[in-house]
Amino acid sequence: MANHKSSVKRIRQTITKTTRNRYYKTRVKNITREFHEAIEAGDKTKASEVFKTINQNFHKYVSKGVYKKQTVSRKVSRLNQQLNKLA
């Protein structure tokens, strides 16, 4: 058990941030799975629409501090390569 008020507060903050980040990371997994399903099906229009939402969400999560900028850049770049291969 925490002995200081500041450590008790830090524990509360960690729990809050962990649940919030878990929500965002699960959302990213679901969207990317939808993207990969569209790629597998060969549906370029759906894949490009989903890619657009992925790009927006990823960059929004960078500003919230869930992901680092370079990580998002790498992931978006790889997804964009898959989309371009479909063409």
N, C-alpha and C. Protein backbone atom coordinates (compact mmCIF):
# COMPACT_ATOMS: atom_id res chain seq x y z
N MET A 1 0.84 -1.18 0.00
CA MET A 1 0.00 0.00 0.00
C MET A 1 0.88 1.25 0.00
N ALA A 2 0.43 2.26 -0.69
CA ALA A 2 1.21 3.48 -0.81
C ALA A 2 1.21 4.25 0.51
N ASN A 3 2.34 4.85 0.82
CA ASN A 3 2.48 5.56 2.09
C ASN A 3 2.30 7.07 1.96
N HIS A 4 2.39 7.59 0.75
CA HIS A 4 2.31 9.03 0.55
C HIS A 4 1.08 9.39 -0.27
N LYS A 5 0.60 10.61 -0.01
CA LYS A 5 -0.56 11.08 -0.77
C LYS A 5 -0.26 11.15 -2.27
N SER A 6 0.94 11.58 -2.59
CA SER A 6 1.30 11.73 -4.00
C SER A 6 1.35 10.37 -4.70
N SER A 7 1.80 9.34 -4.00
CA SER A 7 1.85 8.01 -4.62
C SER A 7 0.45 7.43 -4.79
N VAL A 8 -0.46 7.76 -3.87
CA VAL A 8 -1.85 7.31 -4.02
C VAL A 8 -2.47 7.96 -5.24
N LYS A 9 -2.21 9.25 -5.41
CA LYS A 9 -2.72 9.97 -6.58
C LYS A 9 -2.12 9.40 -7.86
N ARG A 10 -0.82 9.09 -7.82
CA ARG A 10 -0.14 8.55 -9.00
C ARG A 10 -0.76 7.21 -9.39
N ILE A 11 -1.12 6.39 -8.42
CA ILE A 11 -1.76 5.10 -8.70
C ILE A 11 -3.10 5.32 -9.39
N ARG A 12 -3.88 6.28 -8.88
CA ARG A 12 -5.18 6.60 -9.50
C ARG A 12 -4.99 7.06 -10.95
N GLN A 13 -4.02 7.92 -11.17
CA GLN A 13 -3.76 8.44 -12.52
C GLN A 13 -3.33 7.32 -13.45
N THR A 14 -2.52 6.41 -12.97
CA THR A 14 -2.04 5.30 -13.80
C THR A 14 -3.19 4.41 -14.23
N ILE A 15 -4.10 4.13 -13.31
CA ILE A 15 -5.26 3.30 -13.64
C ILE A 15 -6.12 3.97 -14.71
N THR A 16 -6.34 5.27 -14.55
CA THR A 16 -7.14 6.02 -15.52
C THR A 16 -6.50 6.01 -16.89
N LYS A 17 -5.20 6.31 -16.94
CA LYS A 17 -4.50 6.36 -18.22
C LYS A 17 -4.42 4.99 -18.88
N THR A 18 -4.25 3.95 -18.07
CA THR A 18 -4.16 2.60 -18.61
C THR A 18 -5.46 2.18 -19.27
N THR A 19 -6.58 2.46 -18.63
CA THR A 19 -7.86 2.10 -19.23
C THR A 19 -8.12 2.90 -20.50
N ARG A 20 -7.76 4.19 -20.49
CA ARG A 20 -7.95 5.02 -21.68
C ARG A 20 -7.09 4.53 -22.84
N ASN A 21 -5.82 4.25 -22.56
CA ASN A 21 -4.91 3.80 -23.61
C ASN A 21 -5.31 2.43 -24.14
N ARG A 22 -5.82 1.57 -23.27
CA ARG A 22 -6.26 0.25 -23.71
C ARG A 22 -7.42 0.38 -24.70
N TYR A 23 -8.32 1.33 -24.44
CA TYR A 23 -9.43 1.58 -25.37
C TYR A 23 -8.90 2.01 -26.73
N TYR A 24 -7.97 2.95 -26.75
CA TYR A 24 -7.45 3.45 -28.01
C TYR A 24 -6.69 2.37 -28.78
N LYS A 25 -5.89 1.58 -28.08
CA LYS A 25 -5.11 0.55 -28.75
C LYS A 25 -6.01 -0.56 -29.30
N THR A 26 -7.09 -0.87 -28.59
CA THR A 26 -8.04 -1.85 -29.10
C THR A 26 -8.74 -1.31 -30.34
N ARG A 27 -9.07 -0.04 -30.32
CA ARG A 27 -9.70 0.60 -31.49
C ARG A 27 -8.78 0.51 -32.70
N VAL A 28 -7.50 0.77 -32.51
CA VAL A 28 -6.53 0.70 -33.60
C VAL A 28 -6.47 -0.72 -34.16
N LYS A 29 -6.45 -1.72 -33.29
CA LYS A 29 -6.40 -3.11 -33.75
C LYS A 29 -7.62 -3.46 -34.58
N ASN A 30 -8.79 -3.00 -34.14
CA ASN A 30 -10.01 -3.31 -34.87
C ASN A 30 -10.03 -2.64 -36.25
N ILE A 31 -9.59 -1.40 -36.30
CA ILE A 31 -9.58 -0.69 -37.58
C ILE A 31 -8.58 -1.33 -38.54
N THR A 32 -7.40 -1.69 -38.04
CA THR A 32 -6.41 -2.29 -38.92
C THR A 32 -6.86 -3.67 -39.39
N ARG A 33 -7.58 -4.39 -38.54
CA ARG A 33 -8.12 -5.69 -38.97
C ARG A 33 -9.13 -5.48 -40.10
N GLU A 34 -9.96 -4.44 -39.98
CA GLU A 34 -10.91 -4.12 -41.04
C GLU A 34 -10.18 -3.77 -42.33
N PHE A 35 -9.06 -3.06 -42.21
CA PHE A 35 -8.26 -2.70 -43.38
C PHE A 35 -7.70 -3.95 -44.04
N HIS A 36 -7.15 -4.86 -43.24
CA HIS A 36 -6.56 -6.09 -43.79
C HIS A 36 -7.63 -6.97 -44.44
N GLU A 37 -8.82 -6.98 -43.88
CA GLU A 37 -9.91 -7.75 -44.50
C GLU A 37 -10.28 -7.17 -45.86
N ALA A 38 -10.29 -5.85 -45.96
CA ALA A 38 -10.58 -5.20 -47.24
C ALA A 38 -9.48 -5.49 -48.26
N ILE A 39 -8.25 -5.51 -47.81
CA ILE A 39 -7.12 -5.83 -48.69
C ILE A 39 -7.24 -7.27 -49.18
N GLU A 40 -7.55 -8.20 -48.28
CA GLU A 40 -7.70 -9.61 -48.65
C GLU A 40 -8.82 -9.80 -49.66
N ALA A 41 -9.89 -9.03 -49.50
CA ALA A 41 -11.02 -9.14 -50.42
C ALA A 41 -10.74 -8.45 -51.75
N GLY A 42 -9.73 -7.59 -51.78
CA GLY A 42 -9.40 -6.87 -53.01
C GLY A 42 -10.26 -5.65 -53.24
N ASP A 43 -10.92 -5.17 -52.22
CA ASP A 43 -11.82 -4.01 -52.33
C ASP A 43 -11.01 -2.74 -52.08
N LYS A 44 -10.58 -2.10 -53.16
CA LYS A 44 -9.71 -0.93 -53.04
C LYS A 44 -10.44 0.28 -52.46
N THR A 45 -11.70 0.48 -52.82
CA THR A 45 -12.42 1.66 -52.32
C THR A 45 -12.62 1.57 -50.80
N LYS A 46 -13.03 0.41 -50.32
CA LYS A 46 -13.23 0.24 -48.87
C LYS A 46 -11.90 0.35 -48.15
N ALA A 47 -10.86 -0.23 -48.73
CA ALA A 47 -9.54 -0.17 -48.10
C ALA A 47 -9.04 1.27 -48.00
N SER A 48 -9.28 2.06 -49.04
CA SER A 48 -8.82 3.45 -49.01
C SER A 48 -9.63 4.28 -48.00
N GLU A 49 -10.93 3.99 -47.87
CA GLU A 49 -11.73 4.69 -46.86
C GLU A 49 -11.27 4.35 -45.46
N VAL A 50 -11.01 3.07 -45.22
CA VAL A 50 -10.55 2.64 -43.90
C VAL A 50 -9.17 3.19 -43.62
N PHE A 51 -8.32 3.25 -44.63
CA PHE A 51 -6.98 3.81 -44.46
C PHE A 51 -7.06 5.27 -44.04
N LYS A 52 -8.01 5.99 -44.59
CA LYS A 52 -8.18 7.40 -44.24
C LYS A 52 -8.54 7.54 -42.76
N THR A 53 -9.44 6.70 -42.27
CA THR A 53 -9.80 6.77 -40.85
C THR A 53 -8.64 6.31 -39.96
N ILE A 54 -7.90 5.31 -40.43
CA ILE A 54 -6.72 4.86 -39.66
C ILE A 54 -5.74 6.02 -39.51
N ASN A 55 -5.47 6.70 -40.60
CA ASN A 55 -4.52 7.81 -40.59
C ASN A 55 -4.97 8.90 -39.62
N GLN A 56 -6.24 9.25 -39.67
CA GLN A 56 -6.76 10.29 -38.78
C GLN A 56 -6.66 9.87 -37.32
N ASN A 57 -7.09 8.64 -37.04
CA ASN A 57 -7.09 8.18 -35.66
C ASN A 57 -5.68 8.05 -35.11
N PHE A 58 -4.77 7.51 -35.90
CA PHE A 58 -3.40 7.36 -35.44
C PHE A 58 -2.80 8.71 -35.05
N HIS A 59 -2.99 9.71 -35.89
CA HIS A 59 -2.39 11.01 -35.60
C HIS A 59 -3.09 11.70 -34.43
N LYS A 60 -4.36 11.41 -34.25
CA LYS A 60 -5.06 11.93 -33.08
C LYS A 60 -4.49 11.31 -31.81
N TYR A 61 -4.17 10.03 -31.86
CA TYR A 61 -3.64 9.33 -30.70
C TYR A 61 -2.21 9.76 -30.39
N VAL A 62 -1.49 10.24 -31.39
CA VAL A 62 -0.16 10.79 -31.14
C VAL A 62 -0.30 12.04 -30.28
N SER A 63 -1.26 12.88 -30.63
CA SER A 63 -1.44 14.12 -29.87
C SER A 63 -1.93 13.84 -28.45
N LYS A 64 -2.61 12.72 -28.24
CA LYS A 64 -3.05 12.35 -26.89
C LYS A 64 -1.96 11.65 -26.09
N GLY A 65 -0.88 11.26 -26.76
CA GLY A 65 0.23 10.64 -26.06
C GLY A 65 0.12 9.13 -25.95
N VAL A 66 -0.77 8.52 -26.73
CA VAL A 66 -0.93 7.07 -26.68
C VAL A 66 0.20 6.40 -27.46
N TYR A 67 0.54 6.96 -28.61
CA TYR A 67 1.60 6.42 -29.45
C TYR A 67 2.66 7.49 -29.67
N LYS A 68 3.86 7.04 -30.01
CA LYS A 68 4.91 7.98 -30.39
C LYS A 68 4.78 8.29 -31.87
N LYS A 69 5.29 9.45 -32.26
CA LYS A 69 5.15 9.93 -33.64
C LYS A 69 5.80 8.99 -34.64
N GLN A 70 7.00 8.51 -34.33
CA GLN A 70 7.72 7.64 -35.25
C GLN A 70 7.02 6.30 -35.43
N THR A 71 6.42 5.78 -34.36
CA THR A 71 5.70 4.51 -34.44
C THR A 71 4.52 4.63 -35.38
N VAL A 72 3.78 5.70 -35.24
CA VAL A 72 2.62 5.93 -36.11
C VAL A 72 3.07 6.12 -37.54
N SER A 73 4.14 6.85 -37.75
CA SER A 73 4.65 7.07 -39.09
C SER A 73 5.01 5.75 -39.76
N ARG A 74 5.68 4.87 -39.03
CA ARG A 74 6.07 3.56 -39.56
C ARG A 74 4.84 2.71 -39.90
N LYS A 75 3.88 2.67 -38.99
CA LYS A 75 2.69 1.84 -39.21
C LYS A 75 1.86 2.34 -40.39
N VAL A 76 1.68 3.66 -40.48
CA VAL A 76 0.91 4.23 -41.58
C VAL A 76 1.62 4.00 -42.90
N SER A 77 2.94 4.11 -42.89
CA SER A 77 3.72 3.89 -44.11
C SER A 77 3.55 2.46 -44.61
N ARG A 78 3.61 1.50 -43.71
CA ARG A 78 3.47 0.10 -44.11
C ARG A 78 2.07 -0.20 -44.62
N LEU A 79 1.07 0.39 -43.99
CA LEU A 79 -0.30 0.18 -44.46
C LEU A 79 -0.50 0.82 -45.84
N ASN A 80 0.13 1.98 -46.04
CA ASN A 80 0.04 2.65 -47.33
C ASN A 80 0.71 1.83 -48.42
N GLN A 81 1.80 1.16 -48.11
CA GLN A 81 2.45 0.29 -49.09
C GLN A 81 1.52 -0.86 -49.50
N GLN A 82 0.81 -1.42 -48.53
CA GLN A 82 -0.13 -2.50 -48.85
C GLN A 82 -1.26 -2.00 -49.72
N LEU A 83 -1.71 -0.77 -49.46
CA LEU A 83 -2.78 -0.20 -50.27
C LEU A 83 -2.30 0.05 -51.69
N ASN A 84 -1.07 0.50 -51.85
CA ASN A 84 -0.54 0.76 -53.18
C ASN A 84 -0.29 -0.52 -53.95
N LYS A 85 0.03 -1.60 -53.27
CA LYS A 85 0.21 -2.89 -53.94
C LYS A 85 -1.10 -3.38 -54.53
N LEU A 86 -2.20 -3.04 -53.88
CA LEU A 86 -3.52 -3.47 -54.34
C LEU A 86 -3.85 -2.84 -55.69
N ALA A 87 -3.35 -1.65 -55.92
CA ALA A 87 -3.61 -0.96 -57.19
C ALA A 87 -2.85 -1.65 -58.30
